[in-house]
Amino acid sequence: MAILNREQTQFDASIALTVAYDGRDFCGFARQHGHSTIQGELERALQVLLRREVVTTGAGRTDAGVHALGQVVSFAVTKQEVRERSLDKLRTSLNALTPEGIVVRRVDEKIAGFSARFDAREREYRYRLVPGQIEPLFLARFAWWIPTQQSLDVTAMKEAALHLVGEHDFTSFCVAKSAEGKTTMREVRQLQLFGAEHLGEECVVIRVVGNAFLHSMIRVIAGSLVEIGLRNRDPQWLIEVLAARDRRAAGQTAPAHGLTFWRVRY
C-alpha cells in the first residue's frame, strides 16, 4: 500500500460516514493497537479502498459494549478520489470490508476541513431499561434488565431528570480520572423517559440530548435514575448529587450494552 504524505497531499474535500454498530464484540470506538475497534476497522477498510493511510475522526468515543445507530465518522479526501468512486459504491465496498457488527448506513461528501467531532452541534443517546421478573430475549443485547417484582417509578424518574436539564457541573456523573484538569461543565438540553416496544418486548427509554458528554456520563445518569425508579432514593437526591461534585455521590454506572449513540446534528 502506498502511504502518502498527508502534509504534501492537498485534501480539498471531506467524507462523512453515518455508521451503526453492535458494540458487543468491539473494544470501543477509538483505535487501539492490538484490539478490534470501530475506528480501527473502518480505517483498515478505507486504507484498502483508497490505497493510502486514512485518519478518521468520530463524533463520539463510545466505550466497549456501547452501540450506535448514527455515529458519524469523517476523513479528508481529494476531489479526485471522490470522482473515482461514487458515494454509493464507497458505502457498498466499506460494508463488504468491515466485519459483522458494523454497517455504514450513509456516505456524504462535505467541505474540506469538516470534522465529525468539532462541527457537531448536538448529540443524542438513548439508554434502554427492561424492568421485571422476565429476562428479555430480543432486547438482551441492547437493554439493561433490572430484575424486580414491581415496576419502576417512571414518574419519579421523570421528576428527577428535570434537575439535570441545563448547564451544570457534572463531575459527579463521570469517571473521576477523566475529569482531571478538564472542564466538567456540560449542557443537557433534553432528558426524557418514555415507554417503547421492540419485537414485542417492552422497555423504558432514557433519551439524552446535549452538546457533548463526559466519559460514562450518560451511563451514570441512567444508573442514578434507576436508583430513584427502584424507590431507593427520592427525586430531590439528584440535586444533592450535582452539588457534591464527587463521583461517589451518584448511583452506579449502568452497563454499557444498554446505551446506543442515536444521532448527531450539525
Protein backbone atom coordinates (compact mmCIF):
# COMPACT_ATOMS: atom_id res chain seq x y z
CA MET A 1 0.00 0.00 0.00
CA ALA A 2 1.30 3.41 -0.93
CA ILE A 3 1.48 5.66 2.11
CA LEU A 4 1.03 9.24 1.02
CA ASN A 5 2.50 12.11 2.96
CA ARG A 6 -0.54 13.84 4.46
CA GLU A 7 1.32 17.16 4.62
CA GLN A 8 2.04 17.05 0.89
CA THR A 9 -1.40 15.81 -0.21
CA GLN A 10 -3.88 18.58 -0.99
CA PHE A 11 -7.11 17.36 0.56
CA ASP A 12 -9.86 19.57 -0.85
CA ALA A 13 -12.95 17.70 0.37
CA SER A 14 -14.17 15.51 3.21
CA ILE A 15 -16.34 12.44 3.58
CA ALA A 16 -18.79 11.80 6.42
CA LEU A 17 -19.88 8.25 7.15
CA THR A 18 -23.02 7.54 9.16
CA VAL A 19 -22.23 4.30 10.95
CA ALA A 20 -24.24 1.84 13.02
CA TYR A 21 -22.66 -0.88 15.12
CA ASP A 22 -23.28 -3.56 17.68
CA GLY A 23 -20.60 -2.70 20.23
CA ARG A 24 -20.65 -6.09 21.93
CA ASP A 25 -17.66 -7.57 20.09
CA PHE A 26 -15.52 -4.41 19.87
CA CYS A 27 -13.18 -2.70 22.33
CA GLY A 28 -14.92 0.63 21.95
CA PHE A 29 -14.81 3.18 19.14
CA ALA A 30 -11.28 4.63 19.38
CA ARG A 31 -8.42 2.83 17.65
CA GLN A 32 -6.27 0.69 19.95
CA HIS A 33 -3.17 -1.20 18.90
CA GLY A 34 -3.81 -4.93 19.01
CA HIS A 35 -7.56 -4.63 19.58
CA SER A 36 -10.56 -4.60 17.27
CA THR A 37 -12.33 -1.23 17.48
CA ILE A 38 -14.86 0.56 15.29
CA GLN A 39 -12.43 3.29 14.23
CA GLY A 40 -9.64 0.80 13.64
CA GLU A 41 -11.79 -1.45 11.43
CA LEU A 42 -13.09 1.49 9.40
CA GLU A 43 -9.59 2.87 8.86
CA ARG A 44 -8.31 -0.54 7.75
CA ALA A 45 -11.11 -0.80 5.19
CA LEU A 46 -10.53 2.75 3.95
CA GLN A 47 -6.82 2.14 3.54
CA VAL A 48 -7.59 -0.83 1.30
CA LEU A 49 -10.04 1.18 -0.82
CA LEU A 50 -8.05 4.42 -1.10
CA ARG A 51 -4.62 2.74 -1.12
CA ARG A 52 -3.23 5.18 1.43
CA GLU A 53 -3.21 5.89 5.13
CA VAL A 54 -6.53 7.31 6.35
CA VAL A 55 -7.06 9.03 9.69
CA THR A 56 -10.66 9.37 10.78
CA THR A 57 -12.48 11.48 13.37
CA GLY A 58 -15.58 10.27 15.21
CA ALA A 59 -18.39 12.38 16.62
CA GLY A 60 -18.21 10.43 19.87
CA ARG A 61 -15.84 7.97 21.55
CA THR A 62 -18.15 5.18 22.70
CA ASP A 63 -16.88 2.68 25.27
CA ALA A 64 -16.57 -1.06 24.76
CA GLY A 65 -20.00 -2.63 24.52
CA VAL A 66 -21.83 0.61 23.64
CA HIS A 67 -23.81 0.56 20.39
CA ALA A 68 -24.52 3.17 17.73
CA LEU A 69 -27.25 3.83 15.22
CA GLY A 70 -25.99 7.20 13.98
CA GLN A 71 -22.30 7.62 14.79
CA VAL A 72 -20.63 9.97 12.29
CA VAL A 73 -17.05 9.45 11.13
CA SER A 74 -15.22 11.93 8.92
CA PHE A 75 -11.96 11.90 6.96
CA ALA A 76 -10.18 14.06 4.42
CA VAL A 77 -10.15 13.19 0.71
CA THR A 78 -9.22 14.72 -2.61
CA LYS A 79 -11.91 15.57 -5.13
CA GLN A 80 -10.14 13.21 -7.49
CA GLU A 81 -10.77 10.35 -5.05
CA VAL A 82 -14.46 11.30 -4.90
CA ARG A 83 -14.69 11.31 -8.70
CA GLU A 84 -13.05 7.89 -8.97
CA ARG A 85 -15.63 6.14 -6.78
CA SER A 86 -19.30 7.03 -6.29
CA LEU A 87 -20.53 7.52 -2.74
CA ASP A 88 -22.91 4.56 -3.09
CA LYS A 89 -20.05 2.36 -4.28
CA LEU A 90 -17.88 3.52 -1.37
CA ARG A 91 -20.63 2.56 1.07
CA THR A 92 -21.05 -0.87 -0.53
CA SER A 93 -17.31 -1.51 -0.53
CA LEU A 94 -16.91 -0.44 3.10
CA ASN A 95 -19.71 -2.75 4.18
CA ALA A 96 -18.02 -5.61 2.34
CA LEU A 97 -14.65 -4.94 4.01
CA THR A 98 -15.73 -4.26 7.60
CA PRO A 99 -16.55 -7.12 9.99
CA GLU A 100 -20.01 -8.23 11.06
CA GLY A 101 -21.45 -5.82 13.57
CA ILE A 102 -20.53 -2.66 11.64
CA VAL A 103 -22.80 -1.13 8.99
CA VAL A 104 -22.08 2.05 7.05
CA ARG A 105 -25.57 3.43 6.54
CA ARG A 106 -24.76 6.56 4.58
CA VAL A 107 -21.86 8.36 2.86
CA ASP A 108 -21.91 12.11 2.29
CA GLU A 109 -19.41 14.49 0.71
CA LYS A 110 -18.56 17.51 2.89
CA ILE A 111 -16.43 20.60 2.51
CA ALA A 112 -12.71 20.45 3.18
CA GLY A 113 -11.92 20.58 6.87
CA PHE A 114 -15.26 19.15 8.04
CA SER A 115 -14.94 17.42 11.41
CA ALA A 116 -17.49 14.93 12.69
CA ARG A 117 -16.45 15.89 16.22
CA PHE A 118 -15.88 19.62 16.21
CA ASP A 119 -18.67 20.60 13.80
CA ALA A 120 -21.31 18.68 15.75
CA ARG A 121 -23.96 20.91 17.35
CA GLU A 122 -25.89 18.25 19.23
CA ARG A 123 -25.56 14.58 20.16
CA GLU A 124 -28.34 12.21 21.16
CA TYR A 125 -28.01 8.99 23.14
CA ARG A 126 -30.68 6.54 24.26
CA TYR A 127 -30.47 4.10 27.14
CA ARG A 128 -32.91 1.16 27.35
CA LEU A 129 -34.14 -0.44 30.57
CA VAL A 130 -36.19 -3.62 30.91
CA PRO A 131 -37.59 -3.91 34.44
CA GLY A 132 -39.44 -7.03 35.56
CA GLN A 133 -39.08 -10.67 36.51
CA ILE A 134 -38.81 -12.00 32.96
CA GLU A 135 -35.46 -11.57 31.25
CA PRO A 136 -35.75 -10.13 27.72
CA LEU A 137 -34.75 -12.21 24.73
CA PHE A 138 -34.50 -9.90 21.73
CA LEU A 139 -33.54 -6.85 23.81
CA ALA A 140 -30.99 -8.72 25.94
CA ARG A 141 -28.03 -7.31 23.98
CA PHE A 142 -29.36 -3.77 23.85
CA ALA A 143 -31.05 -3.14 27.21
CA TRP A 144 -30.27 -3.38 30.92
CA TRP A 145 -32.51 -6.00 32.51
CA ILE A 146 -33.45 -4.96 36.06
CA PRO A 147 -34.95 -7.95 37.92
CA THR A 148 -37.69 -6.51 40.10
CA GLN A 149 -41.14 -7.57 41.24
CA GLN A 150 -42.53 -4.06 40.96
CA SER A 151 -42.44 -1.63 38.07
CA LEU A 152 -40.05 1.29 38.01
CA ASP A 153 -41.46 4.57 39.33
CA VAL A 154 -41.08 6.32 35.99
CA THR A 155 -42.97 9.39 37.25
CA ALA A 156 -40.34 9.92 39.97
CA MET A 157 -37.56 9.33 37.42
CA LYS A 158 -39.04 11.99 35.13
CA GLU A 159 -39.23 14.45 38.03
CA ALA A 160 -35.61 13.75 38.94
CA ALA A 161 -34.47 14.10 35.33
CA LEU A 162 -35.61 17.72 35.26
CA HIS A 163 -32.89 18.60 37.78
CA LEU A 164 -30.22 17.61 35.24
CA VAL A 165 -31.53 19.66 32.31
CA GLY A 166 -29.49 22.77 31.60
CA GLU A 167 -25.82 23.63 32.08
CA HIS A 168 -24.28 22.08 35.18
CA ASP A 169 -21.02 20.78 36.58
CA PHE A 170 -21.37 17.03 36.00
CA THR A 171 -18.30 15.94 37.97
CA SER A 172 -20.46 13.53 39.98
CA PHE A 173 -21.56 11.82 36.78
CA CYS A 174 -18.27 10.95 35.12
CA VAL A 175 -15.21 8.75 35.58
CA ALA A 176 -13.12 10.64 38.13
CA LYS A 177 -9.77 10.26 36.35
CA SER A 178 -11.20 11.50 33.04
CA ALA A 179 -12.19 14.81 34.66
CA GLU A 180 -8.75 15.75 35.95
CA GLY A 181 -7.58 19.06 34.50
CA LYS A 182 -10.62 19.41 32.23
CA THR A 183 -13.86 21.33 32.42
CA THR A 184 -16.78 19.26 33.63
CA MET A 185 -19.44 21.80 32.66
CA ARG A 186 -21.90 20.30 30.18
CA GLU A 187 -25.31 21.28 28.86
CA VAL A 188 -28.08 18.69 28.83
CA ARG A 189 -30.73 20.10 26.51
CA GLN A 190 -33.28 17.31 26.78
CA LEU A 191 -33.66 14.40 29.18
CA GLN A 192 -36.81 12.39 28.62
CA LEU A 193 -38.18 9.00 29.64
CA PHE A 194 -40.82 7.09 27.70
CA GLY A 195 -42.04 3.58 27.10
CA ALA A 196 -41.28 1.69 23.89
CA GLU A 197 -41.77 -1.75 22.39
CA HIS A 198 -39.25 -3.67 20.30
CA LEU A 199 -40.14 -7.05 18.79
CA GLY A 200 -42.92 -7.45 21.34
CA GLU A 201 -40.73 -6.66 24.36
CA GLU A 202 -41.43 -3.52 26.39
CA CYS A 203 -38.72 -1.23 27.72
CA VAL A 204 -38.20 2.20 29.25
CA VAL A 205 -36.06 4.55 27.15
CA ILE A 206 -33.94 7.34 28.61
CA ARG A 207 -33.33 9.88 25.85
CA VAL A 208 -30.49 12.36 26.44
CA VAL A 209 -29.60 15.24 24.11
CA GLY A 210 -26.73 17.64 24.68
CA ASN A 211 -23.81 19.44 23.09
CA ALA A 212 -21.23 16.99 24.47
CA PHE A 213 -20.85 14.47 27.28
CA LEU A 214 -18.23 13.38 29.79
CA HIS A 215 -16.81 9.86 29.99
CA SER A 216 -19.60 7.49 31.15
CA MET A 217 -21.84 10.47 31.97
CA ILE A 218 -25.00 9.05 30.41
CA ARG A 219 -24.47 5.64 31.99
CA VAL A 220 -24.07 7.22 35.44
CA ILE A 221 -27.21 9.30 34.85
CA ALA A 222 -29.05 6.09 33.91
CA GLY A 223 -27.75 4.27 36.97
CA SER A 224 -28.78 7.15 39.22
CA LEU A 225 -32.27 7.38 37.71
CA VAL A 226 -32.74 3.65 38.26
CA GLU A 227 -31.98 4.14 41.98
CA ILE A 228 -34.89 6.58 42.04
CA GLY A 229 -37.09 4.31 39.93
CA LEU A 230 -36.49 1.46 42.40
CA ARG A 231 -37.59 3.81 45.21
CA ASN A 232 -34.19 3.71 46.90
CA ARG A 233 -33.87 7.49 46.54
CA ASP A 234 -36.25 10.40 46.07
CA PRO A 235 -36.14 12.74 43.06
CA GLN A 236 -34.54 15.59 45.08
CA TRP A 237 -31.49 13.41 45.65
CA LEU A 238 -30.10 14.37 42.24
CA ILE A 239 -29.83 18.00 43.37
CA GLU A 240 -27.51 16.82 46.16
CA VAL A 241 -25.54 14.64 43.74
CA LEU A 242 -24.90 17.56 41.38
CA ALA A 243 -23.83 19.81 44.25
CA ALA A 244 -21.43 17.19 45.67
CA ARG A 245 -19.18 17.18 42.57
CA ASP A 246 -17.99 13.76 43.66
CA ARG A 247 -18.43 10.57 41.63
CA ARG A 248 -19.10 8.63 44.84
CA ALA A 249 -22.28 10.63 45.43
CA ALA A 250 -24.10 9.31 42.35
CA GLY A 251 -25.53 5.91 41.50
CA GLN A 252 -23.81 3.04 39.77
CA THR A 253 -22.54 3.16 36.21
CA ALA A 254 -25.20 1.39 34.15
CA PRO A 255 -24.00 -1.48 31.93
CA ALA A 256 -22.55 -0.44 28.58
CA HIS A 257 -24.79 -2.64 26.43
CA GLY A 258 -27.93 -0.65 27.27
CA LEU A 259 -26.58 2.51 25.65
CA THR A 260 -26.91 3.50 21.98
CA PHE A 261 -25.39 6.56 20.30
CA TRP A 262 -28.52 7.57 18.42
CA ARG A 263 -27.70 10.53 16.18
CA VAL A 264 -25.64 13.68 15.65
CA ARG A 265 -26.93 17.03 14.43
CA TYR A 266 -24.80 19.57 12.54
